[in-house]
Amino acid sequence: MKVNPTRTLALESLADRVPVIPQGAAGFYKQNCVICFHHNSHKSGVKLTANYRDSNPIYEICWSGEVTDQLVKCYADLRRSTDNAACAIALLLLEELTEFTGVEQARTGTTIDYYLTPQSQDNNLIFNRAARLEVSGILEENENNTIDGRIRKKLRRLDRKSDLPAFIIIVEFSQPRSKMVKV
């Protein structure tokens, strides 16, 4: 049996790695992730399995800092925190597992969350949309709310008229894992 080596994803690296997340917003996204992991009794160094195609690499999700009562109160809306945390994790995983990176947040009503460009491309070009990303987060999976169920819903919702390829990434925080499909 082949053993997957564990790779590290540092939440502090969000702004340095993902162009769509500016330095000032990186802490916000990191804190949302920390709250979702904390809610599920996970600490820095938690392992997340990322399913994409026929591969299941394992990532150690790391961060610095403590979860305080103030932080818990600030991010008490766990639904919103789960959405934001899933975006952060998905954007990091996308960079790890594909040639793409997030460069622009999509407007509401477009059926996607982000526009992507190849990592090697200049992120400052006006027309640099090469792919699309749809993200969803699950704080605690249950029989009525599963990763595969969310993927099916996203596939039905996704605008198929676009010429751009799309990725769907679902991130689950209680038994940390994700699944990515390319459409």
N, C-alpha and C. Protein backbone atom coordinates (compact mmCIF):
# COMPACT_ATOMS: atom_id res chain seq x y z
N MET A 1 0.83 -1.18 0.00
CA MET A 1 0.00 0.00 0.00
C MET A 1 0.88 1.25 0.00
N LYS A 2 0.58 2.18 -0.88
CA LYS A 2 1.36 3.41 -1.00
C LYS A 2 0.93 4.39 0.10
N VAL A 3 1.90 4.95 0.81
CA VAL A 3 1.63 5.92 1.86
C VAL A 3 1.87 7.31 1.30
N ASN A 4 0.89 8.20 1.50
CA ASN A 4 1.03 9.58 1.05
C ASN A 4 1.85 10.38 2.05
N PRO A 5 2.90 11.06 1.60
CA PRO A 5 3.62 11.92 2.52
C PRO A 5 2.74 13.13 2.87
N THR A 6 2.86 13.60 4.09
CA THR A 6 2.07 14.75 4.53
C THR A 6 2.76 16.03 4.09
N ARG A 7 1.97 16.93 3.53
CA ARG A 7 2.46 18.25 3.12
C ARG A 7 1.87 19.28 4.08
N THR A 8 2.52 20.41 4.23
CA THR A 8 2.06 21.44 5.16
C THR A 8 1.44 22.61 4.40
N LEU A 9 0.30 23.08 4.90
CA LEU A 9 -0.33 24.31 4.42
C LEU A 9 -0.44 25.25 5.62
N ALA A 10 0.28 26.35 5.56
CA ALA A 10 0.25 27.34 6.64
C ALA A 10 -0.80 28.39 6.31
N LEU A 11 -1.76 28.58 7.20
CA LEU A 11 -2.81 29.57 6.96
C LEU A 11 -2.24 30.98 6.87
N GLU A 12 -1.12 31.21 7.51
CA GLU A 12 -0.48 32.53 7.43
C GLU A 12 0.03 32.85 6.02
N SER A 13 0.12 31.84 5.16
CA SER A 13 0.65 32.06 3.81
C SER A 13 -0.42 32.49 2.80
N LEU A 14 -1.65 32.63 3.22
CA LEU A 14 -2.74 32.94 2.30
C LEU A 14 -2.44 34.13 1.39
N ALA A 15 -2.08 35.26 1.96
CA ALA A 15 -1.86 36.46 1.15
C ALA A 15 -0.63 36.33 0.25
N ASP A 16 0.36 35.59 0.68
CA ASP A 16 1.57 35.42 -0.12
C ASP A 16 1.35 34.46 -1.29
N ARG A 17 0.42 33.53 -1.14
CA ARG A 17 0.23 32.48 -2.14
C ARG A 17 -0.95 32.72 -3.07
N VAL A 18 -2.00 33.36 -2.57
CA VAL A 18 -3.25 33.47 -3.32
C VAL A 18 -3.51 34.93 -3.66
N PRO A 19 -3.36 35.32 -4.93
CA PRO A 19 -3.48 36.73 -5.32
C PRO A 19 -4.81 37.39 -4.97
N VAL A 20 -5.91 36.63 -4.93
CA VAL A 20 -7.21 37.23 -4.66
C VAL A 20 -7.38 37.60 -3.17
N ILE A 21 -6.50 37.12 -2.31
CA ILE A 21 -6.58 37.45 -0.89
C ILE A 21 -5.48 38.47 -0.56
N PRO A 22 -5.88 39.73 -0.35
CA PRO A 22 -4.88 40.75 -0.02
C PRO A 22 -4.37 40.57 1.42
N GLN A 23 -3.23 41.14 1.70
CA GLN A 23 -2.59 41.02 3.01
C GLN A 23 -3.56 41.37 4.14
N GLY A 24 -4.32 42.43 3.98
CA GLY A 24 -5.25 42.87 5.03
C GLY A 24 -6.38 41.90 5.30
N ALA A 25 -6.72 41.05 4.35
CA ALA A 25 -7.82 40.10 4.52
C ALA A 25 -7.34 38.72 4.96
N ALA A 26 -6.06 38.46 4.88
CA ALA A 26 -5.53 37.13 5.18
C ALA A 26 -5.85 36.71 6.62
N GLY A 27 -5.72 37.63 7.56
CA GLY A 27 -6.03 37.31 8.96
C GLY A 27 -7.49 36.93 9.15
N PHE A 28 -8.37 37.62 8.45
CA PHE A 28 -9.80 37.32 8.51
C PHE A 28 -10.07 35.89 8.05
N TYR A 29 -9.52 35.52 6.91
CA TYR A 29 -9.73 34.16 6.40
C TYR A 29 -9.11 33.12 7.31
N LYS A 30 -7.92 33.40 7.81
CA LYS A 30 -7.25 32.49 8.75
C LYS A 30 -8.12 32.28 9.98
N GLN A 31 -8.66 33.38 10.55
CA GLN A 31 -9.46 33.26 11.76
C GLN A 31 -10.73 32.44 11.52
N ASN A 32 -11.35 32.59 10.36
CA ASN A 32 -12.52 31.78 10.04
C ASN A 32 -12.14 30.29 10.03
N CYS A 33 -11.00 29.97 9.43
CA CYS A 33 -10.53 28.57 9.40
C CYS A 33 -10.30 28.06 10.82
N VAL A 34 -9.60 28.85 11.62
CA VAL A 34 -9.28 28.44 12.98
C VAL A 34 -10.55 28.17 13.78
N ILE A 35 -11.56 29.02 13.63
CA ILE A 35 -12.83 28.84 14.34
C ILE A 35 -13.51 27.53 13.92
N CYS A 36 -13.52 27.23 12.63
CA CYS A 36 -14.15 25.99 12.16
C CYS A 36 -13.42 24.75 12.68
N PHE A 37 -12.10 24.79 12.66
CA PHE A 37 -11.35 23.66 13.19
C PHE A 37 -11.54 23.56 14.71
N HIS A 38 -11.49 24.70 15.40
CA HIS A 38 -11.68 24.73 16.86
C HIS A 38 -13.05 24.17 17.25
N HIS A 39 -14.07 24.56 16.52
CA HIS A 39 -15.44 24.07 16.79
C HIS A 39 -15.48 22.54 16.77
N ASN A 40 -14.63 21.95 15.96
CA ASN A 40 -14.57 20.49 15.84
C ASN A 40 -13.42 19.88 16.65
N SER A 41 -12.91 20.66 17.61
CA SER A 41 -11.85 20.21 18.55
C SER A 41 -10.53 19.88 17.87
N HIS A 42 -10.22 20.55 16.75
CA HIS A 42 -8.95 20.36 16.07
C HIS A 42 -8.00 21.51 16.42
N LYS A 43 -6.73 21.19 16.46
CA LYS A 43 -5.68 22.18 16.74
C LYS A 43 -4.77 22.32 15.52
N SER A 44 -3.90 23.31 15.57
CA SER A 44 -2.92 23.49 14.50
C SER A 44 -2.18 22.18 14.28
N GLY A 45 -2.00 21.84 13.02
CA GLY A 45 -1.37 20.58 12.67
C GLY A 45 -2.37 19.50 12.29
N VAL A 46 -3.67 19.86 12.28
CA VAL A 46 -4.71 18.91 11.92
C VAL A 46 -4.47 18.43 10.49
N LYS A 47 -4.74 17.17 10.26
CA LYS A 47 -4.53 16.59 8.93
C LYS A 47 -5.83 16.64 8.13
N LEU A 48 -5.72 17.05 6.87
CA LEU A 48 -6.84 17.13 5.94
C LEU A 48 -6.49 16.31 4.71
N THR A 49 -7.38 15.41 4.31
CA THR A 49 -7.20 14.62 3.11
C THR A 49 -7.89 15.33 1.95
N ALA A 50 -7.16 15.54 0.87
CA ALA A 50 -7.69 16.26 -0.30
C ALA A 50 -7.86 15.29 -1.47
N ASN A 51 -9.10 14.99 -1.80
CA ASN A 51 -9.38 14.07 -2.90
C ASN A 51 -9.50 14.85 -4.20
N TYR A 52 -8.67 14.49 -5.17
CA TYR A 52 -8.74 15.08 -6.52
C TYR A 52 -8.26 14.04 -7.51
N ARG A 53 -9.13 13.74 -8.46
CA ARG A 53 -8.87 12.69 -9.44
C ARG A 53 -8.58 11.39 -8.71
N ASP A 54 -7.47 10.76 -8.97
CA ASP A 54 -7.16 9.49 -8.32
C ASP A 54 -6.15 9.66 -7.18
N SER A 55 -6.05 10.87 -6.66
CA SER A 55 -5.05 11.13 -5.64
C SER A 55 -5.73 11.62 -4.36
N ASN A 56 -5.12 11.31 -3.23
CA ASN A 56 -5.63 11.70 -1.92
C ASN A 56 -4.49 12.22 -1.03
N PRO A 57 -3.82 13.29 -1.45
CA PRO A 57 -2.73 13.79 -0.61
C PRO A 57 -3.25 14.27 0.74
N ILE A 58 -2.40 14.17 1.73
CA ILE A 58 -2.74 14.60 3.09
C ILE A 58 -1.97 15.88 3.38
N TYR A 59 -2.69 16.87 3.90
CA TYR A 59 -2.09 18.16 4.24
C TYR A 59 -2.23 18.41 5.73
N GLU A 60 -1.16 18.88 6.31
CA GLU A 60 -1.18 19.32 7.70
C GLU A 60 -1.50 20.81 7.67
N ILE A 61 -2.65 21.20 8.23
CA ILE A 61 -3.07 22.59 8.24
C ILE A 61 -2.54 23.22 9.52
N CYS A 62 -1.69 24.23 9.37
CA CYS A 62 -1.01 24.83 10.52
C CYS A 62 -1.32 26.32 10.62
N TRP A 63 -1.31 26.81 11.84
CA TRP A 63 -1.50 28.24 12.11
C TRP A 63 -0.89 28.56 13.46
N SER A 64 -0.66 29.84 13.67
CA SER A 64 -0.18 30.30 14.97
C SER A 64 -1.30 31.06 15.66
N GLY A 65 -1.18 31.18 16.95
CA GLY A 65 -2.18 31.92 17.72
C GLY A 65 -3.14 31.02 18.45
N GLU A 66 -3.81 31.60 19.41
CA GLU A 66 -4.75 30.88 20.26
C GLU A 66 -6.18 31.29 19.94
N VAL A 67 -7.11 30.42 20.25
CA VAL A 67 -8.53 30.74 20.12
C VAL A 67 -8.98 31.33 21.45
N THR A 68 -9.37 32.59 21.41
CA THR A 68 -9.83 33.29 22.61
C THR A 68 -11.35 33.37 22.63
N ASP A 69 -11.90 33.72 23.78
CA ASP A 69 -13.35 33.93 23.88
C ASP A 69 -13.79 35.03 22.93
N GLN A 70 -12.98 36.08 22.81
CA GLN A 70 -13.31 37.18 21.90
C GLN A 70 -13.37 36.70 20.45
N LEU A 71 -12.45 35.84 20.05
CA LEU A 71 -12.44 35.31 18.69
C LEU A 71 -13.69 34.46 18.44
N VAL A 72 -14.06 33.64 19.41
CA VAL A 72 -15.26 32.81 19.28
C VAL A 72 -16.50 33.70 19.14
N LYS A 73 -16.57 34.77 19.92
CA LYS A 73 -17.71 35.70 19.84
C LYS A 73 -17.73 36.44 18.51
N CYS A 74 -16.56 36.82 18.04
CA CYS A 74 -16.45 37.57 16.77
C CYS A 74 -16.95 36.73 15.59
N TYR A 75 -16.69 35.44 15.64
CA TYR A 75 -17.06 34.54 14.55
C TYR A 75 -18.16 33.56 14.98
N ALA A 76 -19.14 34.07 15.73
CA ALA A 76 -20.21 33.22 16.26
C ALA A 76 -21.13 32.68 15.17
N ASP A 77 -21.22 33.35 14.04
CA ASP A 77 -22.05 32.87 12.93
C ASP A 77 -21.25 31.79 12.19
N LEU A 78 -21.41 30.56 12.65
CA LEU A 78 -20.60 29.46 12.11
C LEU A 78 -20.91 29.15 10.64
N ARG A 79 -22.09 29.47 10.21
CA ARG A 79 -22.41 29.25 8.79
C ARG A 79 -21.55 30.16 7.91
N ARG A 80 -21.50 31.42 8.29
CA ARG A 80 -20.68 32.38 7.54
C ARG A 80 -19.20 32.03 7.65
N SER A 81 -18.77 31.67 8.86
CA SER A 81 -17.37 31.29 9.06
C SER A 81 -17.00 30.08 8.22
N THR A 82 -17.90 29.12 8.13
CA THR A 82 -17.64 27.91 7.34
C THR A 82 -17.47 28.25 5.87
N ASP A 83 -18.31 29.15 5.36
CA ASP A 83 -18.18 29.56 3.95
C ASP A 83 -16.83 30.23 3.70
N ASN A 84 -16.46 31.16 4.57
CA ASN A 84 -15.19 31.88 4.40
C ASN A 84 -13.99 30.95 4.57
N ALA A 85 -14.06 30.06 5.56
CA ALA A 85 -12.96 29.12 5.80
C ALA A 85 -12.80 28.17 4.61
N ALA A 86 -13.92 27.70 4.08
CA ALA A 86 -13.86 26.79 2.94
C ALA A 86 -13.20 27.46 1.75
N CYS A 87 -13.50 28.74 1.53
CA CYS A 87 -12.85 29.47 0.43
C CYS A 87 -11.34 29.52 0.62
N ALA A 88 -10.90 29.82 1.83
CA ALA A 88 -9.47 29.90 2.10
C ALA A 88 -8.78 28.56 1.86
N ILE A 89 -9.33 27.50 2.42
CA ILE A 89 -8.72 26.17 2.25
C ILE A 89 -8.77 25.76 0.78
N ALA A 90 -9.89 26.00 0.13
CA ALA A 90 -10.03 25.61 -1.29
C ALA A 90 -9.01 26.33 -2.15
N LEU A 91 -8.81 27.62 -1.92
CA LEU A 91 -7.85 28.38 -2.74
C LEU A 91 -6.42 27.88 -2.52
N LEU A 92 -6.08 27.51 -1.29
CA LEU A 92 -4.75 26.94 -1.04
C LEU A 92 -4.60 25.57 -1.72
N LEU A 93 -5.63 24.74 -1.60
CA LEU A 93 -5.56 23.41 -2.22
C LEU A 93 -5.52 23.50 -3.74
N LEU A 94 -6.26 24.44 -4.30
CA LEU A 94 -6.26 24.62 -5.75
C LEU A 94 -4.85 24.90 -6.25
N GLU A 95 -4.12 25.74 -5.54
CA GLU A 95 -2.73 26.05 -5.90
C GLU A 95 -1.83 24.82 -5.79
N GLU A 96 -2.10 23.99 -4.80
CA GLU A 96 -1.30 22.78 -4.59
C GLU A 96 -1.56 21.72 -5.64
N LEU A 97 -2.81 21.58 -6.05
CA LEU A 97 -3.21 20.43 -6.86
C LEU A 97 -3.41 20.73 -8.34
N THR A 98 -3.41 22.01 -8.71
CA THR A 98 -3.61 22.37 -10.12
C THR A 98 -2.62 23.46 -10.51
N GLU A 99 -2.70 23.86 -11.76
CA GLU A 99 -1.85 24.96 -12.25
C GLU A 99 -2.48 26.32 -11.98
N PHE A 100 -3.69 26.35 -11.38
CA PHE A 100 -4.45 27.59 -11.25
C PHE A 100 -4.33 28.25 -9.88
N THR A 101 -4.68 29.54 -9.87
CA THR A 101 -4.75 30.32 -8.64
C THR A 101 -5.94 31.27 -8.75
N GLY A 102 -6.47 31.68 -7.61
CA GLY A 102 -7.60 32.60 -7.59
C GLY A 102 -7.15 34.04 -7.78
N VAL A 103 -7.80 34.75 -8.73
CA VAL A 103 -7.40 36.14 -9.00
C VAL A 103 -8.54 37.15 -8.87
N GLU A 104 -9.78 36.67 -8.82
CA GLU A 104 -10.89 37.61 -8.75
C GLU A 104 -12.10 36.92 -8.12
N GLN A 105 -12.71 37.60 -7.16
CA GLN A 105 -13.95 37.08 -6.59
C GLN A 105 -15.08 37.35 -7.58
N ALA A 106 -15.94 36.37 -7.77
CA ALA A 106 -17.06 36.53 -8.70
C ALA A 106 -18.21 37.26 -8.02
N ARG A 107 -19.00 37.91 -8.82
CA ARG A 107 -20.19 38.59 -8.30
C ARG A 107 -21.28 37.58 -7.97
N THR A 108 -22.14 37.94 -7.04
CA THR A 108 -23.30 37.11 -6.70
C THR A 108 -24.16 36.93 -7.94
N GLY A 109 -24.65 35.72 -8.13
CA GLY A 109 -25.50 35.42 -9.27
C GLY A 109 -24.78 34.79 -10.44
N THR A 110 -23.46 34.65 -10.34
CA THR A 110 -22.69 34.06 -11.44
C THR A 110 -22.59 32.54 -11.33
N THR A 111 -23.08 31.96 -10.27
CA THR A 111 -23.03 30.53 -9.93
C THR A 111 -21.63 30.04 -9.58
N ILE A 112 -20.68 30.95 -9.43
CA ILE A 112 -19.33 30.58 -9.00
C ILE A 112 -18.86 31.55 -7.92
N ASP A 113 -17.72 31.22 -7.31
CA ASP A 113 -17.17 32.08 -6.27
C ASP A 113 -15.95 32.87 -6.73
N TYR A 114 -15.10 32.26 -7.58
CA TYR A 114 -13.86 32.92 -7.99
C TYR A 114 -13.54 32.63 -9.46
N TYR A 115 -12.80 33.56 -10.04
CA TYR A 115 -12.20 33.34 -11.35
C TYR A 115 -10.74 32.98 -11.11
N LEU A 116 -10.22 32.12 -11.98
CA LEU A 116 -8.87 31.59 -11.83
C LEU A 116 -8.03 31.92 -13.05
N THR A 117 -6.74 31.90 -12.83
CA THR A 117 -5.77 32.06 -13.92
C THR A 117 -4.62 31.10 -13.65
N PRO A 118 -3.87 30.71 -14.67
CA PRO A 118 -2.69 29.88 -14.40
C PRO A 118 -1.72 30.59 -13.46
N GLN A 119 -1.10 29.85 -12.59
CA GLN A 119 -0.17 30.44 -11.62
C GLN A 119 0.98 31.17 -12.29
N SER A 120 1.35 30.73 -13.48
CA SER A 120 2.48 31.34 -14.18
C SER A 120 2.11 32.63 -14.91
N GLN A 121 0.83 32.95 -14.97
CA GLN A 121 0.37 34.13 -15.72
C GLN A 121 0.44 35.38 -14.85
N ASP A 122 0.64 36.53 -15.48
CA ASP A 122 0.63 37.82 -14.80
C ASP A 122 -0.78 38.07 -14.24
N ASN A 123 -0.88 38.23 -12.94
CA ASN A 123 -2.18 38.41 -12.29
C ASN A 123 -2.77 39.79 -12.50
N ASN A 124 -2.03 40.71 -13.08
CA ASN A 124 -2.51 42.08 -13.25
C ASN A 124 -3.14 42.33 -14.62
N LEU A 125 -3.22 41.32 -15.46
CA LEU A 125 -3.85 41.50 -16.76
C LEU A 125 -5.34 41.76 -16.60
N ILE A 126 -5.92 42.56 -17.47
CA ILE A 126 -7.34 42.89 -17.36
C ILE A 126 -8.20 41.67 -17.64
N PHE A 127 -7.93 40.95 -18.70
CA PHE A 127 -8.72 39.78 -19.07
C PHE A 127 -7.91 38.52 -18.80
N ASN A 128 -7.90 38.11 -17.54
CA ASN A 128 -7.06 36.97 -17.20
C ASN A 128 -7.88 35.80 -16.64
N ARG A 129 -9.13 35.74 -16.93
CA ARG A 129 -9.98 34.64 -16.45
C ARG A 129 -9.77 33.40 -17.34
N ALA A 130 -9.23 32.34 -16.73
CA ALA A 130 -8.97 31.12 -17.49
C ALA A 130 -9.81 29.94 -17.00
N ALA A 131 -10.36 30.06 -15.80
CA ALA A 131 -11.19 28.99 -15.23
C ALA A 131 -12.04 29.59 -14.12
N ARG A 132 -12.96 28.76 -13.60
CA ARG A 132 -13.87 29.21 -12.55
C ARG A 132 -13.78 28.26 -11.35
N LEU A 133 -14.14 28.77 -10.19
CA LEU A 133 -14.12 27.96 -8.98
C LEU A 133 -15.41 28.17 -8.20
N GLU A 134 -16.05 27.08 -7.83
CA GLU A 134 -17.21 27.07 -6.95
C GLU A 134 -16.81 26.34 -5.68
N VAL A 135 -17.06 26.95 -4.52
CA VAL A 135 -16.62 26.41 -3.23
C VAL A 135 -17.82 26.23 -2.31
N SER A 136 -17.76 25.21 -1.48
CA SER A 136 -18.75 25.04 -0.44
C SER A 136 -18.08 24.43 0.78
N GLY A 137 -18.55 24.81 1.95
CA GLY A 137 -18.00 24.28 3.19
C GLY A 137 -19.05 23.55 4.00
N ILE A 138 -18.62 22.52 4.69
CA ILE A 138 -19.48 21.77 5.59
C ILE A 138 -18.79 21.73 6.95
N LEU A 139 -19.44 22.31 7.96
CA LEU A 139 -18.85 22.34 9.30
C LEU A 139 -18.80 20.93 9.89
N GLU A 140 -19.92 20.21 9.79
CA GLU A 140 -20.01 18.84 10.28
C GLU A 140 -20.91 18.05 9.33
N GLU A 141 -20.32 17.14 8.58
CA GLU A 141 -21.08 16.34 7.62
C GLU A 141 -22.08 15.44 8.36
N ASN A 142 -23.27 15.28 7.77
CA ASN A 142 -24.26 14.33 8.28
C ASN A 142 -24.94 13.68 7.08
N GLU A 143 -25.85 12.77 7.32
CA GLU A 143 -26.45 12.01 6.22
C GLU A 143 -27.23 12.89 5.25
N ASN A 144 -27.69 14.05 5.69
CA ASN A 144 -28.44 14.96 4.82
C ASN A 144 -27.57 16.05 4.19
N ASN A 145 -26.31 16.09 4.59
CA ASN A 145 -25.41 17.14 4.11
C ASN A 145 -24.02 16.52 3.93
N THR A 146 -23.78 15.95 2.75
CA THR A 146 -22.53 15.24 2.49
C THR A 146 -21.72 15.95 1.40
N ILE A 147 -20.46 15.61 1.34
CA ILE A 147 -19.59 16.16 0.31
C ILE A 147 -20.13 15.79 -1.08
N ASP A 148 -20.42 14.53 -1.29
CA ASP A 148 -20.91 14.11 -2.61
C ASP A 148 -22.25 14.75 -2.94
N GLY A 149 -23.11 14.90 -1.95
CA GLY A 149 -24.39 15.58 -2.18
C GLY A 149 -24.21 17.03 -2.59
N ARG A 150 -23.28 17.72 -1.95
CA ARG A 150 -23.00 19.11 -2.32
C ARG A 150 -22.43 19.20 -3.73
N ILE A 151 -21.58 18.27 -4.08
CA ILE A 151 -21.02 18.28 -5.44
C ILE A 151 -22.13 18.11 -6.46
N ARG A 152 -23.05 17.18 -6.21
CA ARG A 152 -24.17 16.99 -7.14
C ARG A 152 -24.99 18.28 -7.28
N LYS A 153 -25.27 18.96 -6.17
CA LYS A 153 -26.03 20.22 -6.21
C LYS A 153 -25.28 21.28 -7.01
N LYS A 154 -23.99 21.38 -6.78
CA LYS A 154 -23.17 22.38 -7.47
C LYS A 154 -23.13 22.08 -8.97
N LEU A 155 -23.02 20.82 -9.32
CA LEU A 155 -23.01 20.45 -10.74
C LEU A 155 -24.31 20.85 -11.43
N ARG A 156 -25.45 20.67 -10.75
CA ARG A 156 -26.74 21.06 -11.33
C ARG A 156 -26.85 22.58 -11.47
N ARG A 157 -26.27 23.31 -10.53
CA ARG A 157 -26.37 24.77 -10.50
C ARG A 157 -25.39 25.48 -11.43
N LEU A 158 -24.28 24.85 -11.70
CA LEU A 158 -23.20 25.49 -12.44
C LEU A 158 -23.63 25.91 -13.84
N ASP A 159 -23.28 27.11 -14.21
CA ASP A 159 -23.60 27.63 -15.54
C ASP A 159 -22.73 26.89 -16.57
N ARG A 160 -23.36 26.09 -17.39
CA ARG A 160 -22.64 25.27 -18.38
C ARG A 160 -22.39 26.02 -19.68
N LYS A 161 -22.94 27.24 -19.81
CA LYS A 161 -22.78 27.99 -21.05
C LYS A 161 -21.39 28.62 -21.18
N SER A 162 -20.68 28.71 -20.09
CA SER A 162 -19.37 29.36 -20.10
C SER A 162 -18.37 28.52 -20.89
N ASP A 163 -17.45 29.20 -21.55
CA ASP A 163 -16.36 28.52 -22.25
C ASP A 163 -15.23 28.14 -21.30
N LEU A 164 -15.27 28.66 -20.09
CA LEU A 164 -14.20 28.42 -19.13
C LEU A 164 -14.44 27.12 -18.36
N PRO A 165 -13.39 26.32 -18.15
CA PRO A 165 -13.55 25.14 -17.31
C PRO A 165 -13.85 25.57 -15.88
N ALA A 166 -14.40 24.66 -15.10
CA ALA A 166 -14.74 24.98 -13.71
C ALA A 166 -14.25 23.88 -12.78
N PHE A 167 -13.95 24.31 -11.57
CA PHE A 167 -13.61 23.39 -10.48
C PHE A 167 -14.64 23.57 -9.39
N ILE A 168 -15.00 22.48 -8.75
CA ILE A 168 -15.84 22.52 -7.56
C ILE A 168 -15.01 21.93 -6.44
N ILE A 169 -14.94 22.64 -5.31
CA ILE A 169 -14.22 22.13 -4.14
C ILE A 169 -15.15 22.23 -2.94
N ILE A 170 -15.32 21.10 -2.27
CA ILE A 170 -16.10 21.04 -1.04
C ILE A 170 -15.12 20.74 0.08
N VAL A 171 -15.17 21.52 1.17
CA VAL A 171 -14.28 21.33 2.32
C VAL A 171 -15.14 20.97 3.53
N GLU A 172 -14.77 19.87 4.20
CA GLU A 172 -15.48 19.41 5.40
C GLU A 172 -14.53 19.55 6.58
N PHE A 173 -15.02 20.12 7.70
CA PHE A 173 -14.15 20.48 8.82
C PHE A 173 -14.18 19.53 10.01
N SER A 174 -15.19 18.67 10.17
CA SER A 174 -15.23 17.83 11.37
C SER A 174 -14.26 16.65 11.26
N GLN A 175 -14.20 16.04 10.10
CA GLN A 175 -13.22 14.99 9.80
C GLN A 175 -12.46 15.55 8.60
N PRO A 176 -11.56 16.48 8.82
CA PRO A 176 -11.07 17.36 7.76
C PRO A 176 -10.70 16.63 6.47
N ARG A 177 -11.45 17.01 5.42
CA ARG A 177 -11.19 16.47 4.09
C ARG A 177 -11.84 17.39 3.08
N SER A 178 -11.41 17.20 1.84
CA SER A 178 -12.00 17.98 0.75
C SER A 178 -12.10 17.09 -0.46
N LYS A 179 -12.94 17.52 -1.37
CA LYS A 179 -13.05 16.83 -2.65
C LYS A 179 -13.13 17.90 -3.73
N MET A 180 -12.33 17.71 -4.77
CA MET A 180 -12.31 18.63 -5.90
C MET A 180 -12.64 17.87 -7.17
N VAL A 181 -13.51 18.45 -7.98
CA VAL A 181 -13.81 17.89 -9.30
C VAL A 181 -13.65 19.00 -10.34
N LYS A 182 -13.18 18.60 -11.51
CA LYS A 182 -13.06 19.54 -12.63
C LYS A 182 -14.20 19.25 -13.58
N VAL A 183 -14.88 20.33 -14.00
CA VAL A 183 -16.05 20.21 -14.87
C VAL A 183 -15.68 20.72 -16.24
